[in-house]
Amino acid sequence: LAPPLEFHFVYATQEVAFQVEDVKELTPLKEKRHDLFQRLKGWVLCDADGLCLVALRETAAYFYENRLLFSDARDPRIHEEKLERIEELRCGFYRATDQVLADHAKKSAHAAQT
């Protein structure tokens, strides 16, 4: 994506797909069956450093921090820098999302009036 976000597309699909099938040999003690899908309709974005992921779905957007990148941060300053960068990314994502939603609401209101 273009600035200010500069996120990369990790995955995108237009349909729910890839239902997981039971493999009886691997799960002999399984008592309950749950439908599980490996992929949901939408997009997954990631920043260049892998600090955060954004899952864009039809009805919601989810912002996730990648805590695995903190496991090797032995220096508290590096840990704090990563937290600050995640906060910058989160704020930038919310600002851009709010602007897109406001623009869409404006266009919808204008179209309804005409």
C-alpha atoms as a PDB file:
ATOM      1  CA  LEU A   1       0.000   0.000   0.000  1.00  0.00           C
ATOM      2  CA  ALA A   2       1.036   3.582  -0.465  1.00  0.00           C
ATOM      3  CA  PRO A   3       2.153   5.909   2.327  1.00  0.00           C
ATOM      4  CA  PRO A   4       1.212   6.597   5.056  1.00  0.00           C
ATOM      5  CA  LEU A   5       0.499   2.896   5.655  1.00  0.00           C
ATOM      6  CA  GLU A   6       3.088   1.116   3.515  1.00  0.00           C
ATOM      7  CA  PHE A   7       1.733  -2.301   4.468  1.00  0.00           C
ATOM      8  CA  HIS A   8       2.326  -5.339   2.276  1.00  0.00           C
ATOM      9  CA  PHE A   9      -0.332  -7.810   1.171  1.00  0.00           C
ATOM     10  CA  VAL A  10       0.398 -11.179   2.742  1.00  0.00           C
ATOM     11  CA  TYR A  11      -2.748 -12.963   1.608  1.00  0.00           C
ATOM     12  CA  ALA A  12      -6.008 -12.165  -0.178  1.00  0.00           C
ATOM     13  CA  THR A  13      -9.063 -14.186  -1.178  1.00  0.00           C
ATOM     14  CA  GLN A  14     -12.591 -13.406  -2.276  1.00  0.00           C
ATOM     15  CA  GLU A  15     -14.147 -16.528  -0.820  1.00  0.00           C
ATOM     16  CA  VAL A  16     -13.976 -18.802   2.184  1.00  0.00           C
ATOM     17  CA  ALA A  17     -11.970 -21.792   1.073  1.00  0.00           C
ATOM     18  CA  PHE A  18      -9.746 -24.651   2.056  1.00  0.00           C
ATOM     19  CA  GLN A  19     -11.872 -26.466   4.607  1.00  0.00           C
ATOM     20  CA  VAL A  20      -9.761 -28.688   6.824  1.00  0.00           C
ATOM     21  CA  GLU A  21     -10.693 -32.336   6.578  1.00  0.00           C
ATOM     22  CA  ASP A  22     -10.306 -34.817   9.444  1.00  0.00           C
ATOM     23  CA  VAL A  23      -7.496 -37.291   9.070  1.00  0.00           C
ATOM     24  CA  LYS A  24      -8.594 -40.257  11.149  1.00  0.00           C
ATOM     25  CA  GLU A  25      -5.117 -41.719  11.566  1.00  0.00           C
ATOM     26  CA  LEU A  26      -3.824 -38.489  13.116  1.00  0.00           C
ATOM     27  CA  THR A  27      -6.731 -37.719  15.437  1.00  0.00           C
ATOM     28  CA  PRO A  28      -8.028 -40.978  16.957  1.00  0.00           C
ATOM     29  CA  LEU A  29      -8.969 -39.386  20.280  1.00  0.00           C
ATOM     30  CA  LYS A  30     -10.924 -36.506  18.790  1.00  0.00           C
ATOM     31  CA  GLU A  31     -14.348 -36.306  20.450  1.00  0.00           C
ATOM     32  CA  LYS A  32     -15.906 -33.225  18.864  1.00  0.00           C
ATOM     33  CA  ARG A  33     -15.937 -32.137  15.266  1.00  0.00           C
ATOM     34  CA  HIS A  34     -15.650 -28.442  14.507  1.00  0.00           C
ATOM     35  CA  ASP A  35     -15.669 -26.942  11.060  1.00  0.00           C
ATOM     36  CA  LEU A  36     -12.343 -25.237  10.581  1.00  0.00           C
ATOM     37  CA  PHE A  37     -11.329 -23.040   7.689  1.00  0.00           C
ATOM     38  CA  GLN A  38      -7.733 -22.105   7.145  1.00  0.00           C
ATOM     39  CA  ARG A  39      -8.598 -19.006   5.151  1.00  0.00           C
ATOM     40  CA  LEU A  40     -11.336 -16.422   5.521  1.00  0.00           C
ATOM     41  CA  LYS A  41     -12.627 -13.982   2.926  1.00  0.00           C
ATOM     42  CA  GLY A  42     -10.606 -10.776   2.977  1.00  0.00           C
ATOM     43  CA  TRP A  43      -7.018  -9.593   3.077  1.00  0.00           C
ATOM     44  CA  VAL A  44      -4.093  -9.865   5.469  1.00  0.00           C
ATOM     45  CA  LEU A  45      -1.569  -7.040   5.533  1.00  0.00           C
ATOM     46  CA  CYS A  46       1.793  -6.813   7.283  1.00  0.00           C
ATOM     47  CA  ASP A  47       4.284  -4.015   7.828  1.00  0.00           C
ATOM     48  CA  ALA A  48       7.778  -4.397   6.356  1.00  0.00           C
ATOM     49  CA  ASP A  49       9.328  -5.428   9.689  1.00  0.00           C
ATOM     50  CA  GLY A  50       6.606  -7.906  10.599  1.00  0.00           C
ATOM     51  CA  LEU A  51       5.696  -6.027  13.788  1.00  0.00           C
ATOM     52  CA  CYS A  52       1.980  -6.084  13.100  1.00  0.00           C
ATOM     53  CA  LEU A  53      -0.658  -7.755  10.979  1.00  0.00           C
ATOM     54  CA  VAL A  54      -3.973  -6.355   9.820  1.00  0.00           C
ATOM     55  CA  ALA A  55      -6.831  -8.675   8.886  1.00  0.00           C
ATOM     56  CA  LEU A  56      -9.389  -6.896   6.714  1.00  0.00           C
ATOM     57  CA  ARG A  57     -12.711  -8.731   6.655  1.00  0.00           C
ATOM     58  CA  GLU A  58     -16.086  -7.840   5.169  1.00  0.00           C
ATOM     59  CA  THR A  59     -17.468  -6.423   8.407  1.00  0.00           C
ATOM     60  CA  ALA A  60     -14.396  -5.560  10.469  1.00  0.00           C
ATOM     61  CA  ALA A  61     -10.685  -4.826  10.512  1.00  0.00           C
ATOM     62  CA  TYR A  62      -8.434  -6.450  13.115  1.00  0.00           C
ATOM     63  CA  PHE A  63      -5.033  -5.076  14.116  1.00  0.00           C
ATOM     64  CA  TYR A  64      -2.630  -7.595  15.662  1.00  0.00           C
ATOM     65  CA  GLU A  65       0.787  -7.135  17.220  1.00  0.00           C
ATOM     66  CA  ASN A  66       3.352  -9.794  16.395  1.00  0.00           C
ATOM     67  CA  ARG A  67       4.714 -10.620  19.846  1.00  0.00           C
ATOM     68  CA  LEU A  68       7.106 -13.218  18.437  1.00  0.00           C
ATOM     69  CA  LEU A  69       9.425 -10.385  17.448  1.00  0.00           C
ATOM     70  CA  PHE A  70       9.774  -9.417  21.097  1.00  0.00           C
ATOM     71  CA  SER A  71      11.162 -12.782  22.156  1.00  0.00           C
ATOM     72  CA  ASP A  72      14.695 -11.905  21.047  1.00  0.00           C
ATOM     73  CA  ALA A  73      14.686  -8.346  22.455  1.00  0.00           C
ATOM     74  CA  ARG A  74      16.975  -8.672  25.452  1.00  0.00           C
ATOM     75  CA  ASP A  75      17.659  -4.942  25.575  1.00  0.00           C
ATOM     76  CA  PRO A  76      14.745  -2.997  27.114  1.00  0.00           C
ATOM     77  CA  ARG A  77      15.454  -0.057  24.790  1.00  0.00           C
ATOM     78  CA  ILE A  78      14.961  -2.217  21.705  1.00  0.00           C
ATOM     79  CA  HIS A  79      11.782  -3.613  23.215  1.00  0.00           C
ATOM     80  CA  GLU A  80      10.496  -0.085  23.866  1.00  0.00           C
ATOM     81  CA  GLU A  81      11.440   1.045  20.344  1.00  0.00           C
ATOM     82  CA  LYS A  82       9.414  -1.815  18.871  1.00  0.00           C
ATOM     83  CA  LEU A  83       6.436  -0.916  21.055  1.00  0.00           C
ATOM     84  CA  GLU A  84       6.646   2.723  19.951  1.00  0.00           C
ATOM     85  CA  ARG A  85       6.840   1.677  16.295  1.00  0.00           C
ATOM     86  CA  ILE A  86       3.770  -0.558  16.721  1.00  0.00           C
ATOM     87  CA  GLU A  87       1.901   2.373  18.276  1.00  0.00           C
ATOM     88  CA  GLU A  88       2.865   4.585  15.308  1.00  0.00           C
ATOM     89  CA  LEU A  89       1.661   1.921  12.892  1.00  0.00           C
ATOM     90  CA  ARG A  90      -1.601   1.439  14.800  1.00  0.00           C
ATOM     91  CA  CYS A  91      -2.339   5.176  14.939  1.00  0.00           C
ATOM     92  CA  GLY A  92      -1.511   5.597  11.253  1.00  0.00           C
ATOM     93  CA  PHE A  93      -3.735   2.663  10.333  1.00  0.00           C
ATOM     94  CA  TYR A  94      -6.659   4.020  12.381  1.00  0.00           C
ATOM     95  CA  ARG A  95      -6.237   7.530  10.931  1.00  0.00           C
ATOM     96  CA  ALA A  96      -6.212   6.218   7.365  1.00  0.00           C
ATOM     97  CA  THR A  97      -9.164   3.905   8.050  1.00  0.00           C
ATOM     98  CA  ASP A  98     -11.183   6.710   9.664  1.00  0.00           C
ATOM     99  CA  GLN A  99     -10.515   8.917   6.626  1.00  0.00           C
ATOM    100  CA  VAL A 100     -11.628   6.211   4.186  1.00  0.00           C
ATOM    101  CA  LEU A 101     -14.811   5.614   6.197  1.00  0.00           C
ATOM    102  CA  ALA A 102     -15.548   9.352   6.432  1.00  0.00           C
ATOM    103  CA  ASP A 103     -15.058   9.763   2.669  1.00  0.00           C
ATOM    104  CA  HIS A 104     -17.343   6.795   2.003  1.00  0.00           C
ATOM    105  CA  ALA A 105     -20.029   8.171   4.344  1.00  0.00           C
ATOM    106  CA  LYS A 106     -19.824  11.555   2.591  1.00  0.00           C
ATOM    107  CA  LYS A 107     -20.198   9.963  -0.860  1.00  0.00           C
ATOM    108  CA  SER A 108     -23.097   7.804   0.338  1.00  0.00           C
ATOM    109  CA  ALA A 109     -24.890  10.815   1.834  1.00  0.00           C
ATOM    110  CA  HIS A 110     -24.354  12.811  -1.361  1.00  0.00           C
ATOM    111  CA  ALA A 111     -25.647   9.946  -3.510  1.00  0.00           C
ATOM    112  CA  ALA A 112     -28.733   9.587  -1.310  1.00  0.00           C
ATOM    113  CA  GLN A 113     -29.557  13.292  -1.736  1.00  0.00           C
ATOM    114  CA  THR A 114     -29.423  13.172  -5.523  1.00  0.00           C
END
